[in-house]
């Protein structure tokens, strides 16, 4: 009878020394900053490719937008699963890269709309959205890092909230109604809860070698917040 191979155990960050925890946090936020920088660079490249820009904008109508949204969810869910279930650094980096590129693609229509609002107002709106997003993200992250409170109880609340939001988005596309300002405000609240949850995961859940996976979770929440803050500022 063959002996069963024992799976290696990975101690979580909360069990490590203060020095190792601080090192993990630094690596995580460094990778988050690099992911944001990569997002900006990829977005700039996408906007320099007319065929890709035209294709992305053509997917914003009706059921095509649902297909684009569905494809985005499949890709990002796959990337998140790859990052969370692997202790292989190469696979974690591949997952983060995949997620960043997917985010850059789905952001094309929203950024294009923001830049078209006024002749010179587009960049101003993008800058305002970026500043507001980073300010709120920093404040929420600080709450978790300073209090070390476990926000894992938000998981079920967030799941229900995202399920309802997805249903409203699908209904809005199928029946042709605008979800309006209050939906975007509600999504900002939901994204804020997601930031608390993901930062809490970074503090309590991940192991020492999963700083890339932790940065992916934070990046996902950050971009969700940026999307809806930008949506609010881009309203006529």
C-alpha atoms as a PDB file:
ATOM      1  CA  UNK A   1       0.000   0.000   0.000  1.00  0.00           C
ATOM      2  CA  UNK A   2       1.456   3.310  -1.134  1.00  0.00           C
ATOM      3  CA  UNK A   3       2.018   5.934   1.494  1.00  0.00           C
ATOM      4  CA  UNK A   4      -0.081   9.018   1.092  1.00  0.00           C
ATOM      5  CA  UNK A   5       1.997  12.097   0.458  1.00  0.00           C
ATOM      6  CA  UNK A   6       1.487  14.737   3.078  1.00  0.00           C
ATOM      7  CA  UNK A   7       0.587  18.138   1.725  1.00  0.00           C
ATOM      8  CA  UNK A   8       2.953  20.870   2.953  1.00  0.00           C
ATOM      9  CA  UNK A   9       1.461  23.238   5.486  1.00  0.00           C
ATOM     10  CA  UNK A  10       1.811  26.979   5.115  1.00  0.00           C
ATOM     11  CA  UNK A  11       1.514  29.124   8.255  1.00  0.00           C
ATOM     12  CA  UNK A  12      -0.751  32.133   7.846  1.00  0.00           C
ATOM     13  CA  UNK A  13       0.560  35.673   8.173  1.00  0.00           C
ATOM     14  CA  UNK A  14      -1.199  36.267  11.489  1.00  0.00           C
ATOM     15  CA  UNK A  15       0.962  33.548  13.112  1.00  0.00           C
ATOM     16  CA  UNK A  16       4.272  35.044  11.972  1.00  0.00           C
ATOM     17  CA  UNK A  17       6.558  37.534  13.686  1.00  0.00           C
ATOM     18  CA  UNK A  18       5.951  41.269  13.308  1.00  0.00           C
ATOM     19  CA  UNK A  19       9.020  41.590  11.094  1.00  0.00           C
ATOM     20  CA  UNK A  20       7.805  38.927   8.656  1.00  0.00           C
ATOM     21  CA  UNK A  21       4.273  40.367   8.607  1.00  0.00           C
ATOM     22  CA  UNK A  22       5.571  43.840   7.756  1.00  0.00           C
ATOM     23  CA  UNK A  23       7.742  42.349   4.991  1.00  0.00           C
ATOM     24  CA  UNK A  24       4.670  40.554   3.594  1.00  0.00           C
ATOM     25  CA  UNK A  25       2.601  43.758   3.644  1.00  0.00           C
ATOM     26  CA  UNK A  26       5.351  45.662   1.846  1.00  0.00           C
ATOM     27  CA  UNK A  27       5.607  43.004  -0.872  1.00  0.00           C
ATOM     28  CA  UNK A  28       1.828  42.920  -1.265  1.00  0.00           C
ATOM     29  CA  UNK A  29       1.414  46.682  -1.659  1.00  0.00           C
ATOM     30  CA  UNK A  30       4.465  46.902  -3.917  1.00  0.00           C
ATOM     31  CA  UNK A  31       2.877  44.341  -6.230  1.00  0.00           C
ATOM     32  CA  UNK A  32      -0.440  46.196  -6.014  1.00  0.00           C
ATOM     33  CA  UNK A  33       1.291  49.429  -7.094  1.00  0.00           C
ATOM     34  CA  UNK A  34       3.023  47.592  -9.950  1.00  0.00           C
ATOM     35  CA  UNK A  35      -0.317  46.081 -11.027  1.00  0.00           C
ATOM     36  CA  UNK A  36      -1.891  49.563 -11.142  1.00  0.00           C
ATOM     37  CA  UNK A  37       1.073  50.877 -13.142  1.00  0.00           C
ATOM     38  CA  UNK A  38       0.798  47.933 -15.541  1.00  0.00           C
ATOM     39  CA  UNK A  39      -2.944  48.608 -15.896  1.00  0.00           C
ATOM     40  CA  UNK A  40      -2.211  52.220 -16.925  1.00  0.00           C
ATOM     41  CA  UNK A  41       0.452  51.122 -19.433  1.00  0.00           C
ATOM     42  CA  UNK A  42      -1.739  48.408 -20.966  1.00  0.00           C
ATOM     43  CA  UNK A  43      -4.666  50.851 -21.180  1.00  0.00           C
ATOM     44  CA  UNK A  44      -2.479  53.369 -23.003  1.00  0.00           C
ATOM     45  CA  UNK A  45      -1.362  50.670 -25.439  1.00  0.00           C
ATOM     46  CA  UNK A  46      -4.967  49.575 -26.045  1.00  0.00           C
ATOM     47  CA  UNK A  47      -5.968  53.155 -26.877  1.00  0.00           C
ATOM     48  CA  UNK A  48      -3.205  53.246 -29.492  1.00  0.00           C
ATOM     49  CA  UNK A  49      -4.708  50.281 -31.360  1.00  0.00           C
ATOM     50  CA  UNK A  50      -7.726  51.581 -33.363  1.00  0.00           C
ATOM     51  CA  UNK A  51      -9.028  48.113 -34.277  1.00  0.00           C
ATOM     52  CA  UNK A  52      -9.008  46.969 -30.642  1.00  0.00           C
ATOM     53  CA  UNK A  53     -10.582  50.229 -29.482  1.00  0.00           C
ATOM     54  CA  UNK A  54     -13.344  49.935 -32.078  1.00  0.00           C
ATOM     55  CA  UNK A  55     -13.955  46.291 -31.140  1.00  0.00           C
ATOM     56  CA  UNK A  56     -14.223  47.053 -27.410  1.00  0.00           C
ATOM     57  CA  UNK A  57     -16.626  49.949 -28.040  1.00  0.00           C
ATOM     58  CA  UNK A  58     -18.768  47.748 -30.294  1.00  0.00           C
ATOM     59  CA  UNK A  59     -19.398  45.406 -27.341  1.00  0.00           C
ATOM     60  CA  UNK A  60     -21.199  48.007 -25.234  1.00  0.00           C
ATOM     61  CA  UNK A  61     -24.635  47.523 -26.800  1.00  0.00           C
ATOM     62  CA  UNK A  62     -27.301  45.153 -25.488  1.00  0.00           C
ATOM     63  CA  UNK A  63     -26.531  41.463 -25.278  1.00  0.00           C
ATOM     64  CA  UNK A  64     -22.987  42.015 -26.598  1.00  0.00           C
ATOM     65  CA  UNK A  65     -22.223  43.871 -23.361  1.00  0.00           C
ATOM     66  CA  UNK A  66     -23.554  40.887 -21.420  1.00  0.00           C
ATOM     67  CA  UNK A  67     -21.250  38.604 -23.420  1.00  0.00           C
ATOM     68  CA  UNK A  68     -18.317  40.907 -22.685  1.00  0.00           C
ATOM     69  CA  UNK A  69     -19.240  41.038 -18.988  1.00  0.00           C
ATOM     70  CA  UNK A  70     -19.627  37.246 -18.888  1.00  0.00           C
ATOM     71  CA  UNK A  71     -16.251  36.741 -20.561  1.00  0.00           C
ATOM     72  CA  UNK A  72     -14.631  39.175 -18.142  1.00  0.00           C
ATOM     73  CA  UNK A  73     -16.110  37.327 -15.161  1.00  0.00           C
ATOM     74  CA  UNK A  74     -14.900  33.956 -16.477  1.00  0.00           C
ATOM     75  CA  UNK A  75     -11.364  35.230 -17.036  1.00  0.00           C
ATOM     76  CA  UNK A  76     -11.091  37.053 -13.711  1.00  0.00           C
ATOM     77  CA  UNK A  77     -12.636  34.189 -11.723  1.00  0.00           C
ATOM     78  CA  UNK A  78     -10.141  31.816 -13.347  1.00  0.00           C
ATOM     79  CA  UNK A  79      -7.275  34.185 -12.494  1.00  0.00           C
ATOM     80  CA  UNK A  80      -8.427  34.563  -8.879  1.00  0.00           C
ATOM     81  CA  UNK A  81      -8.759  30.796  -8.466  1.00  0.00           C
ATOM     82  CA  UNK A  82      -5.326  30.239  -9.996  1.00  0.00           C
ATOM     83  CA  UNK A  83      -3.736  32.750  -7.615  1.00  0.00           C
ATOM     84  CA  UNK A  84      -5.522  31.571  -4.467  1.00  0.00           C
ATOM     85  CA  UNK A  85      -4.996  27.830  -4.910  1.00  0.00           C
ATOM     86  CA  UNK A  86      -1.338  27.936  -5.920  1.00  0.00           C
ATOM     87  CA  UNK A  87       1.875  28.470  -4.006  1.00  0.00           C
ATOM     88  CA  UNK A  88       3.718  28.516  -7.335  1.00  0.00           C
ATOM     89  CA  UNK A  89       5.002  32.081  -7.860  1.00  0.00           C
ATOM     90  CA  UNK A  90       4.932  31.782 -11.662  1.00  0.00           C
ATOM     91  CA  UNK A  91       1.241  30.852 -11.655  1.00  0.00           C
ATOM     92  CA  UNK A  92       0.439  33.658  -9.229  1.00  0.00           C
ATOM     93  CA  UNK A  93       2.199  36.175 -11.484  1.00  0.00           C
ATOM     94  CA  UNK A  94       0.427  34.775 -14.535  1.00  0.00           C
ATOM     95  CA  UNK A  95      -2.916  35.135 -12.751  1.00  0.00           C
ATOM     96  CA  UNK A  96      -2.161  38.754 -11.815  1.00  0.00           C
ATOM     97  CA  UNK A  97      -1.094  39.579 -15.379  1.00  0.00           C
ATOM     98  CA  UNK A  98      -4.242  37.963 -16.781  1.00  0.00           C
ATOM     99  CA  UNK A  99      -6.412  39.934 -14.365  1.00  0.00           C
ATOM    100  CA  UNK A 100      -4.733  43.264 -15.162  1.00  0.00           C
ATOM    101  CA  UNK A 101      -5.119  42.791 -18.935  1.00  0.00           C
ATOM    102  CA  UNK A 102      -8.790  41.794 -18.534  1.00  0.00           C
ATOM    103  CA  UNK A 103      -9.440  44.885 -16.397  1.00  0.00           C
ATOM    104  CA  UNK A 104      -7.705  47.137 -18.921  1.00  0.00           C
ATOM    105  CA  UNK A 105      -9.876  45.767 -21.739  1.00  0.00           C
ATOM    106  CA  UNK A 106     -13.225  46.123 -19.964  1.00  0.00           C
ATOM    107  CA  UNK A 107     -12.304  49.661 -18.856  1.00  0.00           C
ATOM    108  CA  UNK A 108     -11.888  50.852 -22.466  1.00  0.00           C
ATOM    109  CA  UNK A 109     -15.537  51.996 -22.979  1.00  0.00           C
ATOM    110  CA  UNK A 110     -15.791  53.746 -19.605  1.00  0.00           C
ATOM    111  CA  UNK A 111     -12.499  55.623 -20.003  1.00  0.00           C
ATOM    112  CA  UNK A 112     -13.398  56.521 -23.591  1.00  0.00           C
ATOM    113  CA  UNK A 113     -16.723  57.947 -22.403  1.00  0.00           C
ATOM    114  CA  UNK A 114     -14.992  59.958 -19.657  1.00  0.00           C
ATOM    115  CA  UNK A 115     -12.546  61.416 -22.158  1.00  0.00           C
ATOM    116  CA  UNK A 116     -15.344  62.365 -24.569  1.00  0.00           C
ATOM    117  CA  UNK A 117     -17.404  64.301 -22.009  1.00  0.00           C
ATOM    118  CA  UNK A 118     -15.535  67.526 -22.706  1.00  0.00           C
ATOM    119  CA  UNK A 119     -12.688  68.573 -24.971  1.00  0.00           C
ATOM    120  CA  UNK A 120     -10.238  68.829 -22.106  1.00  0.00           C
ATOM    121  CA  UNK A 121     -12.322  67.470 -19.226  1.00  0.00           C
ATOM    122  CA  UNK A 122     -11.675  63.783 -19.718  1.00  0.00           C
ATOM    123  CA  UNK A 123      -8.253  63.657 -18.094  1.00  0.00           C
ATOM    124  CA  UNK A 124      -9.469  65.880 -15.266  1.00  0.00           C
ATOM    125  CA  UNK A 125     -12.285  63.428 -14.532  1.00  0.00           C
ATOM    126  CA  UNK A 126      -9.864  60.495 -14.637  1.00  0.00           C
ATOM    127  CA  UNK A 127      -7.496  62.274 -12.244  1.00  0.00           C
ATOM    128  CA  UNK A 128     -10.338  63.141  -9.845  1.00  0.00           C
ATOM    129  CA  UNK A 129     -11.597  59.540  -9.914  1.00  0.00           C
ATOM    130  CA  UNK A 130      -8.079  58.215  -9.286  1.00  0.00           C
ATOM    131  CA  UNK A 131      -7.502  60.565  -6.337  1.00  0.00           C
ATOM    132  CA  UNK A 132     -10.875  59.769  -4.746  1.00  0.00           C
ATOM    133  CA  UNK A 133     -10.351  56.039  -5.256  1.00  0.00           C
ATOM    134  CA  UNK A 134      -6.853  55.998  -3.759  1.00  0.00           C
ATOM    135  CA  UNK A 135      -7.943  58.174  -0.824  1.00  0.00           C
ATOM    136  CA  UNK A 136     -10.890  55.924   0.048  1.00  0.00           C
ATOM    137  CA  UNK A 137      -8.830  52.773  -0.517  1.00  0.00           C
ATOM    138  CA  UNK A 138      -6.043  54.057   1.762  1.00  0.00           C
ATOM    139  CA  UNK A 139      -8.490  55.000   4.506  1.00  0.00           C
ATOM    140  CA  UNK A 140     -10.283  51.646   4.453  1.00  0.00           C
ATOM    141  CA  UNK A 141      -6.996  49.720   4.363  1.00  0.00           C
ATOM    142  CA  UNK A 142      -5.707  51.722   7.326  1.00  0.00           C
ATOM    143  CA  UNK A 143      -8.802  50.759   9.352  1.00  0.00           C
ATOM    144  CA  UNK A 144      -7.978  47.065   8.939  1.00  0.00           C
ATOM    145  CA  UNK A 145      -4.214  47.374   9.368  1.00  0.00           C
ATOM    146  CA  UNK A 146      -4.487  49.498  12.505  1.00  0.00           C
ATOM    147  CA  UNK A 147      -7.305  47.604  14.221  1.00  0.00           C
ATOM    148  CA  UNK A 148      -6.417  44.132  12.815  1.00  0.00           C
ATOM    149  CA  UNK A 149     -10.162  43.414  12.899  1.00  0.00           C
ATOM    150  CA  UNK A 150     -11.294  40.313  11.023  1.00  0.00           C
ATOM    151  CA  UNK A 151     -13.848  41.318   8.368  1.00  0.00           C
ATOM    152  CA  UNK A 152     -14.413  37.768   7.106  1.00  0.00           C
ATOM    153  CA  UNK A 153     -18.078  38.093   8.189  1.00  0.00           C
ATOM    154  CA  UNK A 154     -18.534  40.365   5.148  1.00  0.00           C
ATOM    155  CA  UNK A 155     -18.079  37.448   2.751  1.00  0.00           C
ATOM    156  CA  UNK A 156     -21.737  36.360   2.681  1.00  0.00           C
ATOM    157  CA  UNK A 157     -22.988  39.970   2.640  1.00  0.00           C
ATOM    158  CA  UNK A 158     -20.744  40.796  -0.314  1.00  0.00           C
ATOM    159  CA  UNK A 159     -21.764  37.634  -2.155  1.00  0.00           C
ATOM    160  CA  UNK A 160     -25.463  38.527  -1.831  1.00  0.00           C
ATOM    161  CA  UNK A 161     -24.762  42.150  -2.788  1.00  0.00           C
ATOM    162  CA  UNK A 162     -22.810  41.213  -5.913  1.00  0.00           C
ATOM    163  CA  UNK A 163     -25.468  38.664  -6.900  1.00  0.00           C
ATOM    164  CA  UNK A 164     -28.199  41.329  -6.653  1.00  0.00           C
ATOM    165  CA  UNK A 165     -26.038  43.844  -8.529  1.00  0.00           C
ATOM    166  CA  UNK A 166     -25.374  41.354 -11.325  1.00  0.00           C
ATOM    167  CA  UNK A 167     -29.095  40.651 -11.584  1.00  0.00           C
ATOM    168  CA  UNK A 168     -29.847  44.377 -11.868  1.00  0.00           C
ATOM    169  CA  UNK A 169     -27.167  44.825 -14.530  1.00  0.00           C
ATOM    170  CA  UNK A 170     -28.574  41.955 -16.595  1.00  0.00           C
ATOM    171  CA  UNK A 171     -32.140  43.264 -16.169  1.00  0.00           C
ATOM    172  CA  UNK A 172     -31.034  46.765 -17.148  1.00  0.00           C
ATOM    173  CA  UNK A 173     -29.441  45.500 -20.354  1.00  0.00           C
ATOM    174  CA  UNK A 174     -32.323  43.182 -21.297  1.00  0.00           C
ATOM    175  CA  UNK A 175     -35.126  45.651 -20.557  1.00  0.00           C
ATOM    176  CA  UNK A 176     -33.289  48.804 -21.554  1.00  0.00           C
ATOM    177  CA  UNK A 177     -33.430  50.874 -18.371  1.00  0.00           C
ATOM    178  CA  UNK A 178     -30.676  52.960 -16.817  1.00  0.00           C
ATOM    179  CA  UNK A 179     -29.602  51.804 -13.360  1.00  0.00           C
ATOM    180  CA  UNK A 180     -28.938  55.406 -12.377  1.00  0.00           C
ATOM    181  CA  UNK A 181     -26.795  57.248  -9.878  1.00  0.00           C
ATOM    182  CA  UNK A 182     -27.955  55.399  -6.776  1.00  0.00           C
ATOM    183  CA  UNK A 183     -26.894  52.055  -8.217  1.00  0.00           C
ATOM    184  CA  UNK A 184     -23.360  53.412  -8.710  1.00  0.00           C
ATOM    185  CA  UNK A 185     -23.394  54.817  -5.159  1.00  0.00           C
ATOM    186  CA  UNK A 186     -24.500  51.414  -3.860  1.00  0.00           C
ATOM    187  CA  UNK A 187     -21.686  49.747  -5.803  1.00  0.00           C
ATOM    188  CA  UNK A 188     -19.163  52.157  -4.260  1.00  0.00           C
ATOM    189  CA  UNK A 189     -20.393  51.005  -0.847  1.00  0.00           C
ATOM    190  CA  UNK A 190     -20.122  47.373  -1.964  1.00  0.00           C
ATOM    191  CA  UNK A 191     -16.616  47.945  -3.332  1.00  0.00           C
ATOM    192  CA  UNK A 192     -15.634  49.592  -0.028  1.00  0.00           C
ATOM    193  CA  UNK A 193     -16.831  46.498   1.821  1.00  0.00           C
ATOM    194  CA  UNK A 194     -14.805  44.367  -0.580  1.00  0.00           C
ATOM    195  CA  UNK A 195     -11.668  46.396   0.227  1.00  0.00           C
ATOM    196  CA  UNK A 196     -12.210  45.803   3.954  1.00  0.00           C
ATOM    197  CA  UNK A 197     -12.712  42.083   3.277  1.00  0.00           C
ATOM    198  CA  UNK A 198      -9.680  41.694   0.995  1.00  0.00           C
ATOM    199  CA  UNK A 199      -7.403  43.663   3.340  1.00  0.00           C
ATOM    200  CA  UNK A 200      -8.633  41.518   6.218  1.00  0.00           C
ATOM    201  CA  UNK A 201      -7.771  38.423   4.170  1.00  0.00           C
ATOM    202  CA  UNK A 202      -4.274  39.815   3.663  1.00  0.00           C
ATOM    203  CA  UNK A 203      -3.868  40.186   7.431  1.00  0.00           C
ATOM    204  CA  UNK A 204      -5.480  36.908   8.517  1.00  0.00           C
ATOM    205  CA  UNK A 205      -5.737  34.415   5.673  1.00  0.00           C
ATOM    206  CA  UNK A 206      -2.763  34.309   3.317  1.00  0.00           C
ATOM    207  CA  UNK A 207       0.510  32.485   3.824  1.00  0.00           C
ATOM    208  CA  UNK A 208       3.921  34.153   3.603  1.00  0.00           C
ATOM    209  CA  UNK A 209       4.498  33.209  -0.051  1.00  0.00           C
ATOM    210  CA  UNK A 210       1.114  34.448  -1.317  1.00  0.00           C
ATOM    211  CA  UNK A 211       1.776  38.174  -1.503  1.00  0.00           C
ATOM    212  CA  UNK A 212       1.081  38.146  -5.263  1.00  0.00           C
ATOM    213  CA  UNK A 213      -2.314  36.503  -4.677  1.00  0.00           C
ATOM    214  CA  UNK A 214      -3.051  39.017  -1.910  1.00  0.00           C
ATOM    215  CA  UNK A 215      -2.202  41.902  -4.237  1.00  0.00           C
ATOM    216  CA  UNK A 216      -4.588  40.476  -6.862  1.00  0.00           C
ATOM    217  CA  UNK A 217      -7.482  40.487  -4.380  1.00  0.00           C
ATOM    218  CA  UNK A 218      -6.734  44.092  -3.411  1.00  0.00           C
ATOM    219  CA  UNK A 219      -6.347  45.110  -7.070  1.00  0.00           C
ATOM    220  CA  UNK A 220      -9.751  43.612  -7.919  1.00  0.00           C
ATOM    221  CA  UNK A 221     -11.466  45.622  -5.175  1.00  0.00           C
ATOM    222  CA  UNK A 222      -9.541  48.794  -6.025  1.00  0.00           C
ATOM    223  CA  UNK A 223     -10.556  48.620  -9.682  1.00  0.00           C
ATOM    224  CA  UNK A 224     -14.193  47.954  -8.801  1.00  0.00           C
ATOM    225  CA  UNK A 225     -14.177  51.087  -6.645  1.00  0.00           C
ATOM    226  CA  UNK A 226     -12.463  53.093  -9.411  1.00  0.00           C
ATOM    227  CA  UNK A 227     -15.035  51.905 -11.979  1.00  0.00           C
ATOM    228  CA  UNK A 228     -18.042  53.192 -10.039  1.00  0.00           C
ATOM    229  CA  UNK A 229     -16.426  56.418  -8.824  1.00  0.00           C
ATOM    230  CA  UNK A 230     -15.491  57.133 -12.449  1.00  0.00           C
ATOM    231  CA  UNK A 231     -19.038  56.222 -13.510  1.00  0.00           C
ATOM    232  CA  UNK A 232     -20.474  58.735 -11.028  1.00  0.00           C
ATOM    233  CA  UNK A 233     -18.125  61.520 -12.134  1.00  0.00           C
ATOM    234  CA  UNK A 234     -18.784  60.760 -15.807  1.00  0.00           C
ATOM    235  CA  UNK A 235     -22.525  61.252 -15.532  1.00  0.00           C
ATOM    236  CA  UNK A 236     -23.943  64.168 -17.527  1.00  0.00           C
END
